[in-house]
Amino acid sequence: MENSSQIKANMNNLQINTKKMNELLEDLVEKYCKNSASIFFSVDEKKGVFFSVNPKLSSAAQMSFRLSADWDGIDACFGQGTISELSFGGKQFTKYTGVEELRQLCLSVVNGNFEETIWRHKEEILKVEGRFKIDNEIIRLNYTKLFFNPFLKKTKQYFKYISYKG
């Protein structure tokens, strides 16, 4: 069980990360997609702080994020199923670190340099491969459901998203 000083430290981290995330998204929308996207924000005391960036064009990819007091990072979802846990503290997928890495992934989506392939059984997502083009390099984020029957009939869908400005 966490002590009160640990809980306070976690809540302080959440406030700091919420501010970073808000600044990043507001800057992104203001500079790159001012009239072509909107930001939504909500708080659930048990689940965390939620942000979403919704493009006005249905052929552009949505971005959703969840911050939690439990750790110093963010759960990110791009498009219909490309998900990842990103750390504010270091680099994971690109040459960039922390918030700048998240900014680069978001810019790739906003500029239409993002695509994904999704394998489903009925409505259930079994596997996703998201591809972001950053600095002329393809960055892949993959997700595979841990336990599923490999003999299930699967459908494969490919999505190439357009930029937020069309």
N, C-alpha and C. Protein backbone atom coordinates (compact mmCIF):
# COMPACT_ATOMS: atom_id res chain seq x y z
N MET A 1 0.84 -1.19 0.00
CA MET A 1 0.00 0.00 0.00
C MET A 1 0.89 1.25 0.00
N GLU A 2 0.51 2.22 -0.78
CA GLU A 2 1.30 3.43 -0.89
C GLU A 2 1.08 4.32 0.33
N ASN A 3 2.16 4.98 0.76
CA ASN A 3 2.00 5.93 1.85
C ASN A 3 1.58 7.28 1.30
N SER A 4 1.20 8.18 2.19
CA SER A 4 0.64 9.47 1.74
C SER A 4 1.66 10.31 0.98
N SER A 5 2.96 10.23 1.34
CA SER A 5 3.95 11.02 0.61
C SER A 5 4.12 10.49 -0.82
N GLN A 6 4.00 9.17 -1.01
CA GLN A 6 4.09 8.61 -2.35
C GLN A 6 2.87 9.01 -3.18
N ILE A 7 1.70 9.00 -2.57
CA ILE A 7 0.48 9.41 -3.27
C ILE A 7 0.58 10.87 -3.69
N LYS A 8 1.09 11.73 -2.80
CA LYS A 8 1.26 13.15 -3.14
C LYS A 8 2.25 13.33 -4.28
N ALA A 9 3.35 12.56 -4.25
CA ALA A 9 4.34 12.64 -5.32
C ALA A 9 3.73 12.20 -6.65
N ASN A 10 2.95 11.12 -6.62
CA ASN A 10 2.30 10.64 -7.84
C ASN A 10 1.32 11.68 -8.38
N MET A 11 0.54 12.30 -7.52
CA MET A 11 -0.42 13.31 -7.95
C MET A 11 0.31 14.54 -8.50
N ASN A 12 1.44 14.90 -7.89
CA ASN A 12 2.23 16.02 -8.40
C ASN A 12 2.76 15.70 -9.80
N ASN A 13 3.26 14.47 -10.00
CA ASN A 13 3.70 14.05 -11.34
C ASN A 13 2.57 14.13 -12.34
N LEU A 14 1.38 13.70 -11.93
CA LEU A 14 0.22 13.74 -12.83
C LEU A 14 -0.09 15.18 -13.23
N GLN A 15 -0.03 16.11 -12.29
CA GLN A 15 -0.29 17.52 -12.60
C GLN A 15 0.76 18.06 -13.57
N ILE A 16 2.02 17.73 -13.33
CA ILE A 16 3.11 18.19 -14.21
C ILE A 16 2.92 17.62 -15.61
N ASN A 17 2.65 16.31 -15.70
CA ASN A 17 2.48 15.67 -17.00
C ASN A 17 1.24 16.15 -17.72
N THR A 18 0.17 16.43 -16.98
CA THR A 18 -1.05 16.98 -17.58
C THR A 18 -0.75 18.34 -18.20
N LYS A 19 0.02 19.15 -17.50
CA LYS A 19 0.39 20.47 -18.04
C LYS A 19 1.24 20.31 -19.30
N LYS A 20 2.23 19.39 -19.27
CA LYS A 20 3.07 19.15 -20.46
C LYS A 20 2.22 18.72 -21.64
N MET A 21 1.29 17.80 -21.39
CA MET A 21 0.45 17.25 -22.45
C MET A 21 -0.45 18.34 -23.03
N ASN A 22 -1.05 19.13 -22.16
CA ASN A 22 -1.93 20.21 -22.60
C ASN A 22 -1.15 21.21 -23.46
N GLU A 23 0.06 21.59 -23.02
CA GLU A 23 0.88 22.53 -23.79
C GLU A 23 1.26 21.93 -25.15
N LEU A 24 1.64 20.66 -25.16
CA LEU A 24 2.02 20.01 -26.41
C LEU A 24 0.86 20.02 -27.40
N LEU A 25 -0.32 19.60 -26.96
CA LEU A 25 -1.47 19.51 -27.87
C LEU A 25 -1.97 20.87 -28.32
N GLU A 26 -2.01 21.84 -27.41
CA GLU A 26 -2.43 23.19 -27.81
C GLU A 26 -1.47 23.78 -28.83
N ASP A 27 -0.16 23.58 -28.62
CA ASP A 27 0.84 24.07 -29.56
C ASP A 27 0.69 23.37 -30.92
N LEU A 28 0.49 22.08 -30.88
CA LEU A 28 0.32 21.28 -32.10
C LEU A 28 -0.88 21.78 -32.92
N VAL A 29 -2.01 21.94 -32.25
CA VAL A 29 -3.22 22.37 -32.95
C VAL A 29 -3.06 23.81 -33.45
N GLU A 30 -2.51 24.67 -32.62
CA GLU A 30 -2.34 26.08 -33.01
C GLU A 30 -1.42 26.23 -34.23
N LYS A 31 -0.31 25.50 -34.25
CA LYS A 31 0.68 25.65 -35.33
C LYS A 31 0.34 24.87 -36.59
N TYR A 32 -0.25 23.69 -36.44
CA TYR A 32 -0.35 22.78 -37.59
C TYR A 32 -1.77 22.46 -38.06
N CYS A 33 -2.74 22.66 -37.20
CA CYS A 33 -4.10 22.28 -37.61
C CYS A 33 -5.15 23.13 -36.91
N LYS A 34 -4.94 24.44 -36.93
CA LYS A 34 -5.76 25.38 -36.17
C LYS A 34 -7.25 25.23 -36.42
N ASN A 35 -7.70 25.19 -37.63
CA ASN A 35 -9.13 25.09 -37.90
C ASN A 35 -9.56 23.71 -38.39
N SER A 36 -8.68 22.73 -38.21
CA SER A 36 -9.01 21.40 -38.73
C SER A 36 -9.06 20.31 -37.67
N ALA A 37 -8.94 20.69 -36.39
CA ALA A 37 -9.02 19.71 -35.31
C ALA A 37 -9.45 20.39 -34.02
N SER A 38 -9.96 19.59 -33.11
CA SER A 38 -10.32 20.11 -31.79
C SER A 38 -9.77 19.17 -30.71
N ILE A 39 -9.50 19.74 -29.54
CA ILE A 39 -8.96 18.99 -28.41
C ILE A 39 -10.06 18.82 -27.37
N PHE A 40 -10.20 17.61 -26.87
CA PHE A 40 -11.13 17.35 -25.77
C PHE A 40 -10.33 16.86 -24.57
N PHE A 41 -10.80 17.20 -23.39
CA PHE A 41 -10.09 16.94 -22.15
C PHE A 41 -11.11 16.49 -21.11
N SER A 42 -10.79 15.44 -20.36
CA SER A 42 -11.67 15.04 -19.26
C SER A 42 -10.84 14.39 -18.15
N VAL A 43 -11.39 14.37 -16.95
CA VAL A 43 -10.71 13.79 -15.80
C VAL A 43 -11.62 12.77 -15.14
N ASP A 44 -11.06 11.61 -14.86
CA ASP A 44 -11.73 10.58 -14.08
C ASP A 44 -10.81 10.30 -12.90
N GLU A 45 -11.29 10.56 -11.69
CA GLU A 45 -10.42 10.47 -10.51
C GLU A 45 -9.79 9.10 -10.35
N LYS A 46 -10.43 8.06 -10.82
CA LYS A 46 -9.89 6.70 -10.67
C LYS A 46 -9.03 6.27 -11.84
N LYS A 47 -9.37 6.73 -13.06
CA LYS A 47 -8.68 6.25 -14.26
C LYS A 47 -7.63 7.20 -14.79
N GLY A 48 -7.73 8.50 -14.49
CA GLY A 48 -6.72 9.44 -14.93
C GLY A 48 -7.26 10.60 -15.72
N VAL A 49 -6.37 11.23 -16.47
CA VAL A 49 -6.68 12.40 -17.27
C VAL A 49 -6.66 11.97 -18.74
N PHE A 50 -7.70 12.35 -19.47
CA PHE A 50 -7.85 11.93 -20.86
C PHE A 50 -7.82 13.14 -21.78
N PHE A 51 -7.10 13.00 -22.89
CA PHE A 51 -7.06 13.99 -23.95
C PHE A 51 -7.39 13.29 -25.26
N SER A 52 -8.07 13.98 -26.15
CA SER A 52 -8.21 13.46 -27.50
C SER A 52 -8.12 14.62 -28.48
N VAL A 53 -7.53 14.33 -29.62
CA VAL A 53 -7.45 15.30 -30.72
C VAL A 53 -8.28 14.71 -31.84
N ASN A 54 -9.35 15.41 -32.18
CA ASN A 54 -10.30 14.93 -33.18
C ASN A 54 -10.23 15.79 -34.43
N PRO A 55 -9.80 15.19 -35.54
CA PRO A 55 -9.75 15.95 -36.79
C PRO A 55 -11.17 16.15 -37.33
N LYS A 56 -11.37 17.23 -38.05
CA LYS A 56 -12.68 17.48 -38.67
C LYS A 56 -12.92 16.57 -39.86
N LEU A 57 -11.85 16.14 -40.51
CA LEU A 57 -11.96 15.24 -41.66
C LEU A 57 -11.99 13.79 -41.18
N SER A 58 -12.99 13.04 -41.62
CA SER A 58 -13.13 11.66 -41.16
C SER A 58 -12.04 10.73 -41.68
N SER A 59 -11.32 11.14 -42.71
CA SER A 59 -10.24 10.31 -43.27
C SER A 59 -8.89 10.57 -42.59
N ALA A 60 -8.87 11.46 -41.63
CA ALA A 60 -7.66 11.72 -40.84
C ALA A 60 -7.76 10.92 -39.55
N ALA A 61 -6.62 10.60 -38.95
CA ALA A 61 -6.58 9.74 -37.77
C ALA A 61 -6.79 10.53 -36.48
N GLN A 62 -7.61 9.99 -35.61
CA GLN A 62 -7.81 10.56 -34.28
C GLN A 62 -6.64 10.15 -33.39
N MET A 63 -6.37 10.96 -32.37
CA MET A 63 -5.35 10.63 -31.37
C MET A 63 -5.98 10.75 -29.99
N SER A 64 -5.72 9.76 -29.13
CA SER A 64 -6.24 9.77 -27.76
C SER A 64 -5.11 9.43 -26.80
N PHE A 65 -5.18 10.04 -25.61
CA PHE A 65 -4.12 9.87 -24.63
C PHE A 65 -4.71 9.76 -23.23
N ARG A 66 -4.06 8.95 -22.39
CA ARG A 66 -4.46 8.84 -20.98
C ARG A 66 -3.23 8.97 -20.11
N LEU A 67 -3.31 9.89 -19.16
CA LEU A 67 -2.26 10.06 -18.16
C LEU A 67 -2.79 9.49 -16.84
N SER A 68 -1.90 8.88 -16.07
CA SER A 68 -2.30 8.28 -14.81
C SER A 68 -1.31 8.69 -13.73
N ALA A 69 -1.77 8.69 -12.48
CA ALA A 69 -0.88 8.99 -11.36
C ALA A 69 0.04 7.81 -11.07
N ASP A 70 -0.24 6.65 -11.64
CA ASP A 70 0.51 5.43 -11.34
C ASP A 70 1.92 5.41 -11.90
N TRP A 71 2.16 6.11 -13.00
CA TRP A 71 3.49 6.09 -13.59
C TRP A 71 3.74 7.36 -14.39
N ASP A 72 5.00 7.60 -14.70
CA ASP A 72 5.43 8.82 -15.38
C ASP A 72 5.43 8.62 -16.88
N GLY A 73 4.26 8.42 -17.44
CA GLY A 73 4.15 8.20 -18.86
C GLY A 73 2.74 8.40 -19.34
N ILE A 74 2.48 7.90 -20.54
CA ILE A 74 1.19 8.14 -21.17
C ILE A 74 0.79 6.92 -21.99
N ASP A 75 -0.49 6.61 -21.97
CA ASP A 75 -1.05 5.61 -22.88
C ASP A 75 -1.54 6.38 -24.09
N ALA A 76 -1.10 5.96 -25.27
CA ALA A 76 -1.46 6.68 -26.50
C ALA A 76 -2.15 5.74 -27.47
N CYS A 77 -3.15 6.27 -28.17
CA CYS A 77 -3.83 5.52 -29.22
C CYS A 77 -3.91 6.42 -30.45
N PHE A 78 -3.45 5.90 -31.57
CA PHE A 78 -3.46 6.64 -32.83
C PHE A 78 -4.34 5.88 -33.82
N GLY A 79 -5.17 6.60 -34.56
CA GLY A 79 -6.04 5.95 -35.54
C GLY A 79 -7.07 5.07 -34.86
N GLN A 80 -7.25 3.86 -35.38
CA GLN A 80 -8.27 2.97 -34.85
C GLN A 80 -7.74 1.95 -33.86
N GLY A 81 -6.42 1.75 -33.80
CA GLY A 81 -5.96 0.72 -32.90
C GLY A 81 -4.48 0.68 -32.61
N THR A 82 -3.71 1.65 -33.09
CA THR A 82 -2.27 1.67 -32.81
C THR A 82 -2.09 2.24 -31.41
N ILE A 83 -1.70 1.38 -30.48
CA ILE A 83 -1.58 1.80 -29.08
C ILE A 83 -0.16 1.61 -28.59
N SER A 84 0.21 2.42 -27.62
CA SER A 84 1.54 2.32 -27.04
C SER A 84 1.58 3.03 -25.70
N GLU A 85 2.51 2.59 -24.88
CA GLU A 85 2.83 3.32 -23.65
C GLU A 85 4.10 4.10 -23.94
N LEU A 86 4.05 5.40 -23.73
CA LEU A 86 5.20 6.27 -24.00
C LEU A 86 5.66 6.90 -22.69
N SER A 87 6.96 7.00 -22.53
CA SER A 87 7.53 7.57 -21.32
C SER A 87 7.87 9.04 -21.53
N PHE A 88 7.61 9.85 -20.53
CA PHE A 88 8.04 11.25 -20.60
C PHE A 88 9.53 11.36 -20.31
N GLY A 89 10.11 10.29 -19.79
CA GLY A 89 11.49 10.35 -19.34
C GLY A 89 12.56 9.94 -20.33
N GLY A 90 12.21 9.26 -21.40
CA GLY A 90 13.27 8.80 -22.29
C GLY A 90 12.77 8.49 -23.67
N LYS A 91 13.66 7.95 -24.50
CA LYS A 91 13.24 7.61 -25.86
C LYS A 91 12.91 6.13 -25.93
N GLN A 92 11.99 5.79 -26.82
CA GLN A 92 11.59 4.41 -26.97
C GLN A 92 11.59 3.98 -28.42
N PHE A 93 11.07 4.82 -29.31
CA PHE A 93 10.85 4.40 -30.69
C PHE A 93 11.61 5.24 -31.70
N THR A 94 11.99 6.44 -31.32
CA THR A 94 12.64 7.35 -32.26
C THR A 94 13.95 7.85 -31.65
N LYS A 95 14.63 8.70 -32.38
CA LYS A 95 15.85 9.30 -31.84
C LYS A 95 15.54 10.42 -30.84
N TYR A 96 14.26 10.80 -30.75
CA TYR A 96 13.84 11.88 -29.86
C TYR A 96 13.54 11.31 -28.47
N THR A 97 13.54 12.19 -27.48
CA THR A 97 13.27 11.75 -26.11
C THR A 97 12.04 12.45 -25.55
N GLY A 98 11.39 11.75 -24.62
CA GLY A 98 10.30 12.32 -23.83
C GLY A 98 9.20 12.96 -24.63
N VAL A 99 8.87 14.19 -24.28
CA VAL A 99 7.77 14.92 -24.89
C VAL A 99 8.03 15.14 -26.39
N GLU A 100 9.29 15.34 -26.78
CA GLU A 100 9.59 15.57 -28.20
C GLU A 100 9.29 14.33 -29.03
N GLU A 101 9.51 13.14 -28.48
CA GLU A 101 9.15 11.93 -29.20
C GLU A 101 7.64 11.88 -29.43
N LEU A 102 6.87 12.18 -28.41
CA LEU A 102 5.41 12.21 -28.55
C LEU A 102 5.00 13.27 -29.57
N ARG A 103 5.63 14.43 -29.54
CA ARG A 103 5.33 15.49 -30.51
C ARG A 103 5.59 15.00 -31.94
N GLN A 104 6.69 14.31 -32.17
CA GLN A 104 7.02 13.81 -33.50
C GLN A 104 6.00 12.77 -33.98
N LEU A 105 5.56 11.89 -33.10
CA LEU A 105 4.52 10.91 -33.47
C LEU A 105 3.23 11.64 -33.84
N CYS A 106 2.86 12.63 -33.03
CA CYS A 106 1.64 13.41 -33.31
C CYS A 106 1.75 14.18 -34.62
N LEU A 107 2.89 14.79 -34.87
CA LEU A 107 3.09 15.52 -36.13
C LEU A 107 2.98 14.60 -37.33
N SER A 108 3.47 13.39 -37.20
CA SER A 108 3.35 12.41 -38.28
C SER A 108 1.88 12.16 -38.60
N VAL A 109 1.06 12.02 -37.56
CA VAL A 109 -0.38 11.80 -37.74
C VAL A 109 -1.03 13.04 -38.37
N VAL A 110 -0.76 14.20 -37.81
CA VAL A 110 -1.36 15.45 -38.28
C VAL A 110 -1.02 15.71 -39.75
N ASN A 111 0.19 15.37 -40.15
CA ASN A 111 0.64 15.62 -41.53
C ASN A 111 0.27 14.53 -42.51
N GLY A 112 -0.45 13.50 -42.05
CA GLY A 112 -0.87 12.43 -42.94
C GLY A 112 0.21 11.41 -43.23
N ASN A 113 1.21 11.33 -42.37
CA ASN A 113 2.30 10.37 -42.54
C ASN A 113 2.14 9.20 -41.58
N PHE A 114 0.92 8.71 -41.48
CA PHE A 114 0.59 7.60 -40.58
C PHE A 114 -0.36 6.65 -41.30
N GLU A 115 -0.11 5.38 -41.13
CA GLU A 115 -0.98 4.34 -41.68
C GLU A 115 -0.97 3.16 -40.72
N GLU A 116 -1.99 2.35 -40.80
CA GLU A 116 -2.03 1.17 -39.94
C GLU A 116 -2.74 0.02 -40.63
N THR A 117 -2.35 -1.19 -40.24
CA THR A 117 -3.00 -2.41 -40.69
C THR A 117 -3.56 -3.09 -39.46
N ILE A 118 -4.84 -3.47 -39.54
CA ILE A 118 -5.52 -4.08 -38.39
C ILE A 118 -6.09 -5.42 -38.80
N TRP A 119 -5.83 -6.43 -37.98
CA TRP A 119 -6.42 -7.75 -38.15
C TRP A 119 -7.47 -7.93 -37.07
N ARG A 120 -8.68 -8.31 -37.47
CA ARG A 120 -9.80 -8.46 -36.53
C ARG A 120 -10.45 -9.84 -36.69
N HIS A 121 -11.06 -10.27 -35.61
CA HIS A 121 -12.01 -11.37 -35.65
C HIS A 121 -13.34 -10.76 -35.22
N LYS A 122 -14.27 -10.69 -36.14
CA LYS A 122 -15.52 -9.95 -35.93
C LYS A 122 -15.14 -8.52 -35.60
N GLU A 123 -15.49 -8.00 -34.44
CA GLU A 123 -15.14 -6.62 -34.07
C GLU A 123 -13.88 -6.54 -33.21
N GLU A 124 -13.41 -7.68 -32.74
CA GLU A 124 -12.28 -7.71 -31.81
C GLU A 124 -10.95 -7.53 -32.55
N ILE A 125 -10.14 -6.59 -32.08
CA ILE A 125 -8.82 -6.36 -32.66
C ILE A 125 -7.85 -7.41 -32.12
N LEU A 126 -7.20 -8.13 -33.04
CA LEU A 126 -6.24 -9.16 -32.66
C LEU A 126 -4.80 -8.70 -32.83
N LYS A 127 -4.57 -7.87 -33.84
CA LYS A 127 -3.22 -7.42 -34.14
C LYS A 127 -3.28 -6.09 -34.87
N VAL A 128 -2.32 -5.22 -34.57
CA VAL A 128 -2.23 -3.92 -35.24
C VAL A 128 -0.76 -3.62 -35.53
N GLU A 129 -0.52 -3.08 -36.70
CA GLU A 129 0.79 -2.53 -37.02
C GLU A 129 0.60 -1.10 -37.49
N GLY A 130 1.04 -0.15 -36.68
CA GLY A 130 1.00 1.26 -37.04
C GLY A 130 2.34 1.71 -37.57
N ARG A 131 2.34 2.53 -38.62
CA ARG A 131 3.58 3.01 -39.23
C ARG A 131 3.54 4.53 -39.32
N PHE A 132 4.55 5.15 -38.74
CA PHE A 132 4.70 6.61 -38.73
C PHE A 132 5.93 6.95 -39.54
N LYS A 133 5.83 7.95 -40.41
CA LYS A 133 7.01 8.42 -41.14
C LYS A 133 7.53 9.67 -40.43
N ILE A 134 8.74 9.53 -39.88
CA ILE A 134 9.37 10.63 -39.14
C ILE A 134 10.80 10.77 -39.66
N ASP A 135 11.16 11.95 -40.12
CA ASP A 135 12.52 12.20 -40.65
C ASP A 135 12.89 11.17 -41.72
N ASN A 136 11.96 10.91 -42.64
CA ASN A 136 12.17 9.95 -43.74
C ASN A 136 12.48 8.54 -43.27
N GLU A 137 12.08 8.22 -42.06
CA GLU A 137 12.26 6.88 -41.51
C GLU A 137 10.89 6.35 -41.07
N ILE A 138 10.66 5.06 -41.26
CA ILE A 138 9.39 4.45 -40.84
C ILE A 138 9.56 3.90 -39.42
N ILE A 139 8.71 4.38 -38.52
CA ILE A 139 8.68 3.92 -37.13
C ILE A 139 7.46 3.02 -36.98
N ARG A 140 7.65 1.81 -36.51
CA ARG A 140 6.54 0.85 -36.36
C ARG A 140 6.18 0.68 -34.89
N LEU A 141 4.88 0.75 -34.63
CA LEU A 141 4.34 0.41 -33.31
C LEU A 141 3.40 -0.77 -33.52
N ASN A 142 3.67 -1.87 -32.87
CA ASN A 142 2.89 -3.08 -33.06
C ASN A 142 2.16 -3.48 -31.78
N TYR A 143 1.01 -4.06 -31.96
CA TYR A 143 0.23 -4.62 -30.86
C TYR A 143 -0.29 -5.98 -31.32
N THR A 144 -0.18 -6.98 -30.46
CA THR A 144 -0.78 -8.28 -30.71
C THR A 144 -1.46 -8.74 -29.43
N LYS A 145 -2.70 -9.13 -29.54
CA LYS A 145 -3.41 -9.68 -28.38
C LYS A 145 -2.67 -10.94 -27.95
N LEU A 146 -2.43 -11.08 -26.65
CA LEU A 146 -1.60 -12.18 -26.18
C LEU A 146 -2.20 -13.54 -26.44
N PHE A 147 -3.47 -13.71 -26.16
CA PHE A 147 -4.07 -15.03 -26.29
C PHE A 147 -5.26 -14.96 -27.24
N PHE A 148 -5.14 -15.62 -28.37
CA PHE A 148 -6.27 -15.76 -29.29
C PHE A 148 -6.04 -17.01 -30.12
N ASN A 149 -7.11 -17.56 -30.59
CA ASN A 149 -7.06 -18.77 -31.40
C ASN A 149 -6.50 -18.41 -32.78
N PRO A 150 -5.32 -18.94 -33.14
CA PRO A 150 -4.72 -18.56 -34.43
C PRO A 150 -5.51 -19.06 -35.64
N PHE A 151 -6.46 -19.96 -35.40
CA PHE A 151 -7.25 -20.51 -36.51
C PHE A 151 -8.55 -19.73 -36.75
N LEU A 152 -8.79 -18.70 -35.95
CA LEU A 152 -9.99 -17.87 -36.17
C LEU A 152 -9.92 -17.22 -37.54
N LYS A 153 -11.08 -17.04 -38.15
CA LYS A 153 -11.14 -16.31 -39.41
C LYS A 153 -10.91 -14.83 -39.10
N LYS A 154 -9.88 -14.27 -39.74
CA LYS A 154 -9.51 -12.88 -39.49
C LYS A 154 -9.73 -12.05 -40.75
N THR A 155 -10.08 -10.79 -40.54
CA THR A 155 -10.13 -9.86 -41.65
C THR A 155 -8.99 -8.86 -41.47
N LYS A 156 -8.40 -8.47 -42.56
CA LYS A 156 -7.28 -7.53 -42.56
C LYS A 156 -7.76 -6.23 -43.19
N GLN A 157 -7.52 -5.13 -42.48
CA GLN A 157 -7.90 -3.82 -42.99
C GLN A 157 -6.67 -2.91 -43.01
N TYR A 158 -6.55 -2.14 -44.07
CA TYR A 158 -5.45 -1.20 -44.22
C TYR A 158 -6.03 0.20 -44.22
N PHE A 159 -5.42 1.10 -43.45
CA PHE A 159 -5.86 2.49 -43.38
C PHE A 159 -4.67 3.40 -43.66
N LYS A 160 -4.81 4.25 -44.67
CA LYS A 160 -3.85 5.30 -44.95
C LYS A 160 -4.58 6.60 -44.68
N TYR A 161 -4.17 7.28 -43.63
CA TYR A 161 -4.87 8.48 -43.20
C TYR A 161 -4.33 9.72 -43.93
N ILE A 162 -5.19 10.68 -44.12
CA ILE A 162 -4.80 11.94 -44.76
C ILE A 162 -4.41 12.95 -43.68
N SER A 163 -3.81 14.04 -44.11
CA SER A 163 -3.42 15.09 -43.16
C SER A 163 -4.68 15.78 -42.62
N TYR A 164 -4.53 16.43 -41.50
CA TYR A 164 -5.65 17.12 -40.88
C TYR A 164 -6.17 18.26 -41.76
N LYS A 165 -5.33 18.79 -42.61
CA LYS A 165 -5.74 19.89 -43.49
C LYS A 165 -6.30 19.39 -44.82
N GLY A 166 -6.25 18.07 -45.02
CA GLY A 166 -6.80 17.49 -46.26
C GLY A 166 -5.79 17.50 -47.30
